[in-house]
């Protein structure tokens, strides 16, 4: 198996123990960022770490149910903003 793939291209089995993504903080508010690590092995969880420079300031682990709830919350808040913008534009036509 190649290390370039997160999952085996033949059987779909995870090739990594975790997947990590870094999200840059808002530039007008601060210089921090959020690192999210999703652990694919037991116990499955997502680890959210708040970073300033090269140091983690705080961290919390969420179980898969809470991670899903967080994802739905973020998606819903984005849809509301978008829907509100569309409604304002349409009301001016």
PDB file of N, CA and C in Angstrom:
ATOM      1  N   UNK A   1       0.836  -1.193   0.000  1.00  0.00           N
ATOM      2  CA  UNK A   1       0.000   0.000   0.000  1.00  0.00           C
ATOM      3  C   UNK A   1       0.876   1.249   0.000  1.00  0.00           C
ATOM      4  N   UNK A   2       0.418   2.294  -0.646  1.00  0.00           N
ATOM      5  CA  UNK A   2       1.163   3.531  -0.695  1.00  0.00           C
ATOM      6  C   UNK A   2       0.745   4.448   0.438  1.00  0.00           C
ATOM      7  N   UNK A   3       1.708   5.217   0.971  1.00  0.00           N
ATOM      8  CA  UNK A   3       1.415   6.163   2.044  1.00  0.00           C
ATOM      9  C   UNK A   3       0.691   7.398   1.546  1.00  0.00           C
ATOM     10  N   UNK A   4       0.563   7.561   0.224  1.00  0.00           N
ATOM     11  CA  UNK A   4      -0.087   8.740  -0.338  1.00  0.00           C
ATOM     12  C   UNK A   4      -1.598   8.710  -0.149  1.00  0.00           C
ATOM     13  N   UNK A   5      -2.158   7.541   0.160  1.00  0.00           N
ATOM     14  CA  UNK A   5      -3.599   7.390   0.263  1.00  0.00           C
ATOM     15  C   UNK A   5      -4.025   7.290   1.727  1.00  0.00           C
ATOM     16  N   UNK A   6      -5.105   7.982   2.074  1.00  0.00           N
ATOM     17  CA  UNK A   6      -5.665   7.853   3.424  1.00  0.00           C
ATOM     18  C   UNK A   6      -6.346   6.504   3.592  1.00  0.00           C
ATOM     19  N   UNK A   7      -6.909   5.990   2.502  1.00  0.00           N
ATOM     20  CA  UNK A   7      -7.613   4.713   2.526  1.00  0.00           C
ATOM     21  C   UNK A   7      -7.068   3.854   1.394  1.00  0.00           C
ATOM     22  N   UNK A   8      -7.051   2.563   1.608  1.00  0.00           N
ATOM     23  CA  UNK A   8      -6.581   1.633   0.584  1.00  0.00           C
ATOM     24  C   UNK A   8      -7.458   1.770  -0.655  1.00  0.00           C
ATOM     25  N   UNK A   9      -6.862   1.992  -1.829  1.00  0.00           N
ATOM     26  CA  UNK A   9      -7.677   2.146  -3.035  1.00  0.00           C
ATOM     27  C   UNK A   9      -8.364   0.848  -3.457  1.00  0.00           C
ATOM     28  N   UNK A  10      -7.965  -0.287  -2.871  1.00  0.00           N
ATOM     29  CA  UNK A  10      -8.545  -1.583  -3.237  1.00  0.00           C
ATOM     30  C   UNK A  10      -9.649  -2.030  -2.280  1.00  0.00           C
ATOM     31  N   UNK A  11      -9.394  -1.920  -0.957  1.00  0.00           N
ATOM     32  CA  UNK A  11     -10.374  -2.445   0.009  1.00  0.00           C
ATOM     33  C   UNK A  11     -11.032  -1.360   0.860  1.00  0.00           C
ATOM     34  N   UNK A  12     -10.525  -0.137   0.833  1.00  0.00           N
ATOM     35  CA  UNK A  12     -11.119   0.959   1.589  1.00  0.00           C
ATOM     36  C   UNK A  12     -10.658   1.068   3.028  1.00  0.00           C
ATOM     37  N   UNK A  13      -9.771   0.174   3.481  1.00  0.00           N
ATOM     38  CA  UNK A  13      -9.284   0.208   4.865  1.00  0.00           C
ATOM     39  C   UNK A  13      -8.414   1.444   5.088  1.00  0.00           C
ATOM     40  N   UNK A  14      -8.581   2.050   6.266  1.00  0.00           N
ATOM     41  CA  UNK A  14      -7.792   3.229   6.610  1.00  0.00           C
ATOM     42  C   UNK A  14      -6.317   2.880   6.668  1.00  0.00           C
ATOM     43  N   UNK A  15      -5.498   3.727   6.111  1.00  0.00           N
ATOM     44  CA  UNK A  15      -4.054   3.517   6.137  1.00  0.00           C
ATOM     45  C   UNK A  15      -3.388   4.418   7.159  1.00  0.00           C
ATOM     46  N   UNK A  16      -4.135   5.285   7.748  1.00  0.00           N
ATOM     47  CA  UNK A  16      -3.591   6.205   8.737  1.00  0.00           C
ATOM     48  C   UNK A  16      -4.363   6.058  10.035  1.00  0.00           C
ATOM     49  N   UNK A  17      -3.727   6.440  11.136  1.00  0.00           N
ATOM     50  CA  UNK A  17      -4.412   6.386  12.425  1.00  0.00           C
ATOM     51  C   UNK A  17      -5.186   7.659  12.696  1.00  0.00           C
ATOM     52  N   UNK A  18      -4.828   8.754  11.984  1.00  0.00           N
ATOM     53  CA  UNK A  18      -5.574  10.003  12.141  1.00  0.00           C
ATOM     54  C   UNK A  18      -5.434  10.859  10.896  1.00  0.00           C
ATOM     55  N   UNK A  19      -6.386  11.752  10.745  1.00  0.00           N
ATOM     56  CA  UNK A  19      -6.381  12.736   9.664  1.00  0.00           C
ATOM     57  C   UNK A  19      -6.331  14.100  10.341  1.00  0.00           C
ATOM     58  N   UNK A  20      -5.451  14.979   9.871  1.00  0.00           N
ATOM     59  CA  UNK A  20      -5.260  16.279  10.512  1.00  0.00           C
ATOM     60  C   UNK A  20      -5.485  17.390   9.490  1.00  0.00           C
ATOM     61  N   UNK A  21      -6.190  18.433   9.929  1.00  0.00           N
ATOM     62  CA  UNK A  21      -6.402  19.630   9.101  1.00  0.00           C
ATOM     63  C   UNK A  21      -6.208  20.853   9.996  1.00  0.00           C
ATOM     64  N   UNK A  22      -5.597  21.900   9.445  1.00  0.00           N
ATOM     65  CA  UNK A  22      -5.364  23.136  10.193  1.00  0.00           C
ATOM     66  C   UNK A  22      -6.218  24.242   9.589  1.00  0.00           C
ATOM     67  N   UNK A  23      -6.901  24.994  10.457  1.00  0.00           N
ATOM     68  CA  UNK A  23      -7.755  26.098  10.029  1.00  0.00           C
ATOM     69  C   UNK A  23      -7.189  27.392  10.596  1.00  0.00           C
ATOM     70  N   UNK A  24      -6.870  28.333   9.732  1.00  0.00           N
ATOM     71  CA  UNK A  24      -6.311  29.623  10.134  1.00  0.00           C
ATOM     72  C   UNK A  24      -7.378  30.471  10.793  1.00  0.00           C
ATOM     73  N   UNK A  25      -7.024  31.128  11.897  1.00  0.00           N
ATOM     74  CA  UNK A  25      -7.953  32.027  12.566  1.00  0.00           C
ATOM     75  C   UNK A  25      -8.237  33.258  11.724  1.00  0.00           C
ATOM     76  N   UNK A  26      -9.300  33.960  12.056  1.00  0.00           N
ATOM     77  CA  UNK A  26      -9.683  35.182  11.340  1.00  0.00           C
ATOM     78  C   UNK A  26      -8.574  36.218  11.516  1.00  0.00           C
ATOM     79  N   UNK A  27      -8.075  36.802  10.437  1.00  0.00           N
ATOM     80  CA  UNK A  27      -6.933  37.717  10.540  1.00  0.00           C
ATOM     81  C   UNK A  27      -7.235  39.003  11.308  1.00  0.00           C
ATOM     82  N   UNK A  28      -8.487  39.447  11.340  1.00  0.00           N
ATOM     83  CA  UNK A  28      -8.828  40.683  12.044  1.00  0.00           C
ATOM     84  C   UNK A  28      -9.003  40.479  13.551  1.00  0.00           C
ATOM     85  N   UNK A  29      -9.081  39.234  13.991  1.00  0.00           N
ATOM     86  CA  UNK A  29      -9.379  38.951  15.393  1.00  0.00           C
ATOM     87  C   UNK A  29      -8.161  38.437  16.156  1.00  0.00           C
ATOM     88  N   UNK A  30      -7.271  37.732  15.516  1.00  0.00           N
ATOM     89  CA  UNK A  30      -6.111  37.204  16.213  1.00  0.00           C
ATOM     90  C   UNK A  30      -5.246  36.373  15.297  1.00  0.00           C
ATOM     91  N   UNK A  31      -4.151  35.897  15.844  1.00  0.00           N
ATOM     92  CA  UNK A  31      -3.193  35.164  15.024  1.00  0.00           C
ATOM     93  C   UNK A  31      -3.233  33.668  15.266  1.00  0.00           C
ATOM     94  N   UNK A  32      -4.262  33.177  15.904  1.00  0.00           N
ATOM     95  CA  UNK A  32      -4.335  31.757  16.244  1.00  0.00           C
ATOM     96  C   UNK A  32      -4.868  30.908  15.116  1.00  0.00           C
ATOM     97  N   UNK A  33      -5.021  29.638  15.439  1.00  0.00           N
ATOM     98  CA  UNK A  33      -5.571  28.699  14.489  1.00  0.00           C
ATOM     99  C   UNK A  33      -6.160  27.518  15.220  1.00  0.00           C
ATOM    100  N   UNK A  34      -6.862  26.685  14.474  1.00  0.00           N
ATOM    101  CA  UNK A  34      -7.504  25.507  15.029  1.00  0.00           C
ATOM    102  C   UNK A  34      -6.978  24.286  14.285  1.00  0.00           C
ATOM    103  N   UNK A  35      -6.420  23.346  15.035  1.00  0.00           N
ATOM    104  CA  UNK A  35      -5.993  22.083  14.433  1.00  0.00           C
ATOM    105  C   UNK A  35      -6.995  21.012  14.836  1.00  0.00           C
ATOM    106  N   UNK A  36      -7.532  20.317  13.836  1.00  0.00           N
ATOM    107  CA  UNK A  36      -8.505  19.259  14.078  1.00  0.00           C
ATOM    108  C   UNK A  36      -7.880  17.934  13.653  1.00  0.00           C
ATOM    109  N   UNK A  37      -7.814  17.007  14.599  1.00  0.00           N
ATOM    110  CA  UNK A  37      -7.297  15.669  14.333  1.00  0.00           C
ATOM    111  C   UNK A  37      -8.441  14.686  14.523  1.00  0.00           C
ATOM    112  N   UNK A  38      -8.740  13.901  13.497  1.00  0.00           N
ATOM    113  CA  UNK A  38      -9.776  12.880  13.583  1.00  0.00           C
ATOM    114  C   UNK A  38      -9.063  11.536  13.685  1.00  0.00           C
ATOM    115  N   UNK A  39      -9.245  10.875  14.820  1.00  0.00           N
ATOM    116  CA  UNK A  39      -8.602   9.588  15.075  1.00  0.00           C
ATOM    117  C   UNK A  39      -9.468   8.471  14.525  1.00  0.00           C
ATOM    118  N   UNK A  40      -8.881   7.642  13.689  1.00  0.00           N
ATOM    119  CA  UNK A  40      -9.604   6.589  12.996  1.00  0.00           C
ATOM    120  C   UNK A  40      -9.555   5.263  13.746  1.00  0.00           C
ATOM    121  N   UNK A  41      -8.704   5.177  14.770  1.00  0.00           N
ATOM    122  CA  UNK A  41      -8.588   3.966  15.570  1.00  0.00           C
ATOM    123  C   UNK A  41      -9.385   4.134  16.856  1.00  0.00           C
ATOM    124  N   UNK A  42      -9.517   3.079  17.612  1.00  0.00           N
ATOM    125  CA  UNK A  42     -10.274   3.136  18.865  1.00  0.00           C
ATOM    126  C   UNK A  42      -9.450   3.779  19.967  1.00  0.00           C
ATOM    127  N   UNK A  43     -10.000   4.612  20.793  1.00  0.00           N
ATOM    128  CA  UNK A  43     -11.362   5.123  20.705  1.00  0.00           C
ATOM    129  C   UNK A  43     -11.444   6.211  19.645  1.00  0.00           C
ATOM    130  N   UNK A  44     -12.428   6.114  18.766  1.00  0.00           N
ATOM    131  CA  UNK A  44     -12.593   7.125  17.724  1.00  0.00           C
ATOM    132  C   UNK A  44     -13.031   8.435  18.369  1.00  0.00           C
ATOM    133  N   UNK A  45     -12.388   9.509  17.965  1.00  0.00           N
ATOM    134  CA  UNK A  45     -12.731  10.834  18.469  1.00  0.00           C
ATOM    135  C   UNK A  45     -12.086  11.892  17.588  1.00  0.00           C
ATOM    136  N   UNK A  46     -12.523  13.121  17.774  1.00  0.00           N
ATOM    137  CA  UNK A  46     -11.916  14.264  17.093  1.00  0.00           C
ATOM    138  C   UNK A  46     -11.269  15.127  18.169  1.00  0.00           C
ATOM    139  N   UNK A  47     -10.032  15.529  17.951  1.00  0.00           N
ATOM    140  CA  UNK A  47      -9.300  16.360  18.898  1.00  0.00           C
ATOM    141  C   UNK A  47      -9.173  17.744  18.286  1.00  0.00           C
ATOM    142  N   UNK A  48      -9.726  18.761  18.972  1.00  0.00           N
ATOM    143  CA  UNK A  48      -9.653  20.143  18.518  1.00  0.00           C
ATOM    144  C   UNK A  48      -8.656  20.868  19.403  1.00  0.00           C
ATOM    145  N   UNK A  49      -7.650  21.479  18.781  1.00  0.00           N
ATOM    146  CA  UNK A  49      -6.605  22.183  19.516  1.00  0.00           C
ATOM    147  C   UNK A  49      -6.527  23.620  19.037  1.00  0.00           C
ATOM    148  N   UNK A  50      -6.529  24.559  19.970  1.00  0.00           N
ATOM    149  CA  UNK A  50      -6.387  25.976  19.656  1.00  0.00           C
ATOM    150  C   UNK A  50      -4.901  26.323  19.768  1.00  0.00           C
ATOM    151  N   UNK A  51      -4.364  26.891  18.696  1.00  0.00           N
ATOM    152  CA  UNK A  51      -2.920  27.173  18.628  1.00  0.00           C
ATOM    153  C   UNK A  51      -2.668  28.663  18.518  1.00  0.00           C
ATOM    154  N   UNK A  52      -1.615  29.114  19.172  1.00  0.00           N
ATOM    155  CA  UNK A  52      -1.053  30.461  19.002  1.00  0.00           C
ATOM    156  C   UNK A  52       0.421  30.256  18.736  1.00  0.00           C
ATOM    157  N   UNK A  53       0.843  30.660  17.571  1.00  0.00           N
ATOM    158  CA  UNK A  53       2.234  30.423  17.188  1.00  0.00           C
ATOM    159  C   UNK A  53       2.505  28.933  17.104  1.00  0.00           C
ATOM    160  N   UNK A  54       3.518  28.479  17.813  1.00  0.00           N
ATOM    161  CA  UNK A  54       3.923  27.076  17.771  1.00  0.00           C
ATOM    162  C   UNK A  54       3.435  26.279  18.976  1.00  0.00           C
ATOM    163  N   UNK A  55       2.491  26.815  19.746  1.00  0.00           N
ATOM    164  CA  UNK A  55       2.081  26.162  20.983  1.00  0.00           C
ATOM    165  C   UNK A  55       0.562  26.028  21.070  1.00  0.00           C
ATOM    166  N   UNK A  56       0.119  24.842  21.500  1.00  0.00           N
ATOM    167  CA  UNK A  56      -1.309  24.619  21.729  1.00  0.00           C
ATOM    168  C   UNK A  56      -1.707  25.306  23.029  1.00  0.00           C
ATOM    169  N   UNK A  57      -2.767  26.096  22.989  1.00  0.00           N
ATOM    170  CA  UNK A  57      -3.253  26.810  24.165  1.00  0.00           C
ATOM    171  C   UNK A  57      -4.333  26.030  24.902  1.00  0.00           C
ATOM    172  N   UNK A  58      -5.105  25.246  24.160  1.00  0.00           N
ATOM    173  CA  UNK A  58      -6.188  24.464  24.747  1.00  0.00           C
ATOM    174  C   UNK A  58      -6.554  23.346  23.778  1.00  0.00           C
ATOM    175  N   UNK A  59      -7.155  22.291  24.310  1.00  0.00           N
ATOM    176  CA  UNK A  59      -7.570  21.178  23.466  1.00  0.00           C
ATOM    177  C   UNK A  59      -8.747  20.461  24.117  1.00  0.00           C
ATOM    178  N   UNK A  60      -9.558  19.840  23.268  1.00  0.00           N
ATOM    179  CA  UNK A  60     -10.678  19.033  23.748  1.00  0.00           C
ATOM    180  C   UNK A  60     -10.916  17.920  22.734  1.00  0.00           C
ATOM    181  N   UNK A  61     -11.346  16.771  23.228  1.00  0.00           N
ATOM    182  CA  UNK A  61     -11.708  15.656  22.358  1.00  0.00           C
ATOM    183  C   UNK A  61     -13.222  15.493  22.357  1.00  0.00           C
ATOM    184  N   UNK A  62     -13.782  15.266  21.167  1.00  0.00           N
ATOM    185  CA  UNK A  62     -15.220  15.047  21.018  1.00  0.00           C
ATOM    186  C   UNK A  62     -15.452  13.640  20.500  1.00  0.00           C
ATOM    187  N   UNK A  63     -16.466  12.970  21.047  1.00  0.00           N
ATOM    188  CA  UNK A  63     -16.797  11.655  20.509  1.00  0.00           C
ATOM    189  C   UNK A  63     -17.481  11.844  19.150  1.00  0.00           C
ATOM    190  N   UNK A  64     -17.621  10.794  18.354  1.00  0.00           N
ATOM    191  CA  UNK A  64     -18.184  10.936  17.007  1.00  0.00           C
ATOM    192  C   UNK A  64     -19.568  11.590  16.979  1.00  0.00           C
ATOM    193  N   UNK A  65     -20.411  11.316  17.965  1.00  0.00           N
ATOM    194  CA  UNK A  65     -21.742  11.934  17.998  1.00  0.00           C
ATOM    195  C   UNK A  65     -21.624  13.453  18.145  1.00  0.00           C
ATOM    196  N   UNK A  66     -20.805  13.912  19.053  1.00  0.00           N
ATOM    197  CA  UNK A  66     -20.632  15.357  19.263  1.00  0.00           C
ATOM    198  C   UNK A  66     -19.943  16.005  18.066  1.00  0.00           C
ATOM    199  N   UNK A  67     -19.014  15.296  17.431  1.00  0.00           N
ATOM    200  CA  UNK A  67     -18.367  15.824  16.223  1.00  0.00           C
ATOM    201  C   UNK A  67     -19.387  16.052  15.118  1.00  0.00           C
ATOM    202  N   UNK A  68     -20.303  15.097  14.962  1.00  0.00           N
ATOM    203  CA  UNK A  68     -21.367  15.244  13.967  1.00  0.00           C
ATOM    204  C   UNK A  68     -22.285  16.399  14.298  1.00  0.00           C
ATOM    205  N   UNK A  69     -22.589  16.558  15.588  1.00  0.00           N
ATOM    206  CA  UNK A  69     -23.448  17.665  16.014  1.00  0.00           C
ATOM    207  C   UNK A  69     -22.773  19.003  15.720  1.00  0.00           C
ATOM    208  N   UNK A  70     -21.469  19.097  15.957  1.00  0.00           N
ATOM    209  CA  UNK A  70     -20.715  20.315  15.652  1.00  0.00           C
ATOM    210  C   UNK A  70     -20.751  20.598  14.146  1.00  0.00           C
ATOM    211  N   UNK A  71     -20.558  19.571  13.335  1.00  0.00           N
ATOM    212  CA  UNK A  71     -20.586  19.742  11.879  1.00  0.00           C
ATOM    213  C   UNK A  71     -21.953  20.252  11.415  1.00  0.00           C
ATOM    214  N   UNK A  72     -23.027  19.675  11.948  1.00  0.00           N
ATOM    215  CA  UNK A  72     -24.371  20.128  11.564  1.00  0.00           C
ATOM    216  C   UNK A  72     -24.616  21.568  11.994  1.00  0.00           C
ATOM    217  N   UNK A  73     -24.131  21.938  13.173  1.00  0.00           N
ATOM    218  CA  UNK A  73     -24.269  23.303  13.668  1.00  0.00           C
ATOM    219  C   UNK A  73     -23.567  24.291  12.735  1.00  0.00           C
ATOM    220  N   UNK A  74     -22.333  23.975  12.336  1.00  0.00           N
ATOM    221  CA  UNK A  74     -21.591  24.868  11.449  1.00  0.00           C
ATOM    222  C   UNK A  74     -22.246  24.965  10.075  1.00  0.00           C
ATOM    223  N   UNK A  75     -22.714  23.838   9.549  1.00  0.00           N
ATOM    224  CA  UNK A  75     -23.390  23.869   8.253  1.00  0.00           C
ATOM    225  C   UNK A  75     -24.676  24.682   8.307  1.00  0.00           C
ATOM    226  N   UNK A  76     -25.439  24.511   9.372  1.00  0.00           N
ATOM    227  CA  UNK A  76     -26.710  25.237   9.503  1.00  0.00           C
ATOM    228  C   UNK A  76     -26.468  26.733   9.625  1.00  0.00           C
ATOM    229  N   UNK A  77     -25.459  27.140  10.374  1.00  0.00           N
ATOM    230  CA  UNK A  77     -25.202  28.575  10.538  1.00  0.00           C
ATOM    231  C   UNK A  77     -24.750  29.196   9.220  1.00  0.00           C
ATOM    232  N   UNK A  78     -24.027  28.460   8.406  1.00  0.00           N
ATOM    233  CA  UNK A  78     -23.619  28.955   7.092  1.00  0.00           C
ATOM    234  C   UNK A  78     -24.791  29.090   6.155  1.00  0.00           C
ATOM    235  N   UNK A  79     -25.720  28.137   6.208  1.00  0.00           N
ATOM    236  CA  UNK A  79     -26.918  28.197   5.357  1.00  0.00           C
ATOM    237  C   UNK A  79     -27.799  29.369   5.740  1.00  0.00           C
ATOM    238  N   UNK A  80     -27.913  29.649   7.029  1.00  0.00           N
ATOM    239  CA  UNK A  80     -28.745  30.765   7.469  1.00  0.00           C
ATOM    240  C   UNK A  80     -28.195  32.081   6.951  1.00  0.00           C
ATOM    241  N   UNK A  81     -26.893  32.266   7.003  1.00  0.00           N
ATOM    242  CA  UNK A  81     -26.292  33.500   6.477  1.00  0.00           C
ATOM    243  C   UNK A  81     -26.562  33.624   4.994  1.00  0.00           C
ATOM    244  N   UNK A  82     -26.340  32.528   4.266  1.00  0.00           N
ATOM    245  CA  UNK A  82     -26.539  32.544   2.821  1.00  0.00           C
ATOM    246  C   UNK A  82     -28.011  32.788   2.495  1.00  0.00           C
ATOM    247  N   UNK A  83     -28.901  32.107   3.182  1.00  0.00           N
ATOM    248  CA  UNK A  83     -30.332  32.283   2.954  1.00  0.00           C
ATOM    249  C   UNK A  83     -30.745  33.722   3.256  1.00  0.00           C
ATOM    250  N   UNK A  84     -30.197  34.304   4.330  1.00  0.00           N
ATOM    251  CA  UNK A  84     -30.519  35.682   4.682  1.00  0.00           C
ATOM    252  C   UNK A  84     -30.079  36.650   3.604  1.00  0.00           C
ATOM    253  N   UNK A  85     -28.908  36.431   3.032  1.00  0.00           N
ATOM    254  CA  UNK A  85     -28.397  37.290   1.976  1.00  0.00           C
ATOM    255  C   UNK A  85     -29.283  37.190   0.740  1.00  0.00           C
ATOM    256  N   UNK A  86     -29.650  35.974   0.363  1.00  0.00           N
ATOM    257  CA  UNK A  86     -30.526  35.785  -0.802  1.00  0.00           C
ATOM    258  C   UNK A  86     -31.867  36.476  -0.561  1.00  0.00           C
ATOM    259  N   UNK A  87     -32.422  36.336   0.640  1.00  0.00           N
ATOM    260  CA  UNK A  87     -33.700  36.958   0.952  1.00  0.00           C
ATOM    261  C   UNK A  87     -33.612  38.481   0.846  1.00  0.00           C
ATOM    262  N   UNK A  88     -32.530  39.071   1.333  1.00  0.00           N
ATOM    263  CA  UNK A  88     -32.366  40.540   1.259  1.00  0.00           C
ATOM    264  C   UNK A  88     -32.261  40.993  -0.189  1.00  0.00           C
ATOM    265  N   UNK A  89     -31.507  40.252  -0.995  1.00  0.00           N
ATOM    266  CA  UNK A  89     -31.361  40.639  -2.404  1.00  0.00           C
ATOM    267  C   UNK A  89     -32.704  40.524  -3.122  1.00  0.00           C
ATOM    268  N   UNK A  90     -33.406  39.425  -2.894  1.00  0.00           N
ATOM    269  CA  UNK A  90     -34.701  39.231  -3.558  1.00  0.00           C
ATOM    270  C   UNK A  90     -35.728  40.257  -3.125  1.00  0.00           C
ATOM    271  N   UNK A  91     -35.680  40.691  -1.866  1.00  0.00           N
ATOM    272  CA  UNK A  91     -36.650  41.667  -1.387  1.00  0.00           C
ATOM    273  C   UNK A  91     -36.449  43.039  -2.032  1.00  0.00           C
ATOM    274  N   UNK A  92     -35.293  43.284  -2.591  1.00  0.00           N
ATOM    275  CA  UNK A  92     -35.005  44.584  -3.216  1.00  0.00           C
ATOM    276  C   UNK A  92     -35.343  44.588  -4.696  1.00  0.00           C
ATOM    277  N   UNK A  93     -35.720  43.447  -5.237  1.00  0.00           N
ATOM    278  CA  UNK A  93     -36.049  43.371  -6.677  1.00  0.00           C
ATOM    279  C   UNK A  93     -37.452  43.839  -6.944  1.00  0.00           C
TER     280      UNK A  93
END
